[in-house]
Amino acid sequence: MIWSASRRRPSRLAMVASAWQRLAKIVRIRRERSSARRQLVAMSERELLDCGMSRSEIEYELKKPFRRK
């Protein structure tokens, strides 16, 4: 973080940069989870069995909000 010389708190630029970094991280995680959920839906019954999952588990996963794992 960039610190202001006259104060002991982060500069405005540092706070803005930090906010953008957090937002970028949230967007990246959401895209990763969305991609994983699309892949689960596209799997065949055989592939699901190989992973040890069932269609009902997939439905549960799809109903969860994006902010939850």
Protein backbone atom coordinates (compact mmCIF):
# COMPACT_ATOMS: atom_id res chain seq x y z
CA MET A 1 0.00 0.00 0.00
CA ILE A 2 1.17 3.53 -0.70
CA TRP A 3 1.38 5.58 2.50
CA SER A 4 1.16 9.34 2.67
CA ALA A 5 4.28 11.02 4.09
CA SER A 6 2.33 13.41 6.30
CA ARG A 7 -0.16 10.87 7.68
CA ARG A 8 0.00 7.32 8.91
CA ARG A 9 -2.97 6.09 6.93
CA PRO A 10 -3.15 4.89 3.35
CA SER A 11 -3.37 7.49 0.63
CA ARG A 12 -6.53 7.90 -1.38
CA LEU A 13 -4.80 6.30 -4.36
CA ALA A 14 -3.95 3.25 -2.27
CA MET A 15 -7.51 2.91 -1.03
CA VAL A 16 -8.90 3.14 -4.57
CA ALA A 17 -6.36 0.61 -5.84
CA SER A 18 -7.23 -1.74 -2.99
CA ALA A 19 -10.94 -1.47 -3.76
CA TRP A 20 -10.34 -2.26 -7.44
CA GLN A 21 -8.18 -5.25 -6.48
CA ARG A 22 -10.93 -6.62 -4.23
CA LEU A 23 -13.51 -6.11 -6.97
CA ALA A 24 -11.31 -7.86 -9.54
CA LYS A 25 -10.86 -10.78 -7.14
CA ILE A 26 -14.63 -11.07 -6.62
CA VAL A 27 -15.27 -11.04 -10.38
CA ARG A 28 -12.55 -13.66 -10.99
CA ILE A 29 -13.94 -16.00 -8.30
CA ARG A 30 -17.48 -15.58 -9.61
CA ARG A 31 -16.38 -16.45 -13.15
CA GLU A 32 -14.46 -19.51 -11.93
CA ARG A 33 -17.47 -20.79 -9.97
CA SER A 34 -19.80 -20.12 -12.88
CA SER A 35 -17.51 -22.03 -15.22
CA ALA A 36 -17.26 -24.97 -12.82
CA ARG A 37 -21.05 -25.10 -12.47
CA ARG A 38 -21.51 -25.08 -16.26
CA GLN A 39 -19.04 -27.95 -16.53
CA LEU A 40 -20.97 -29.94 -13.92
CA VAL A 41 -24.23 -29.47 -15.84
CA ALA A 42 -22.59 -30.64 -19.07
CA MET A 43 -21.30 -33.90 -17.55
CA SER A 44 -22.86 -37.21 -18.48
CA GLU A 45 -24.21 -39.63 -15.88
CA ARG A 46 -21.07 -41.76 -16.27
CA GLU A 47 -18.77 -38.79 -15.66
CA LEU A 48 -20.80 -37.82 -12.60
CA LEU A 49 -20.52 -41.35 -11.23
CA ASP A 50 -16.77 -41.26 -11.79
CA CYS A 51 -16.64 -38.06 -9.70
CA GLY A 52 -18.90 -39.54 -7.05
CA MET A 53 -21.70 -37.04 -7.66
CA SER A 54 -25.36 -37.28 -8.57
CA ARG A 55 -27.76 -35.00 -10.45
CA SER A 56 -29.41 -33.97 -7.17
CA GLU A 57 -26.05 -32.72 -5.87
CA ILE A 58 -25.61 -30.76 -9.07
CA GLU A 59 -29.06 -29.17 -8.62
CA TYR A 60 -28.12 -28.19 -5.06
CA GLU A 61 -24.87 -26.65 -6.29
CA LEU A 62 -26.66 -24.67 -9.01
CA LYS A 63 -29.15 -23.17 -6.54
CA LYS A 64 -26.45 -21.78 -4.26
CA PRO A 65 -25.63 -18.07 -4.54
CA PHE A 66 -22.43 -17.24 -6.41
CA ARG A 67 -20.83 -15.81 -3.30
CA ARG A 68 -20.86 -19.24 -1.63
CA LYS A 69 -18.54 -22.08 -2.53
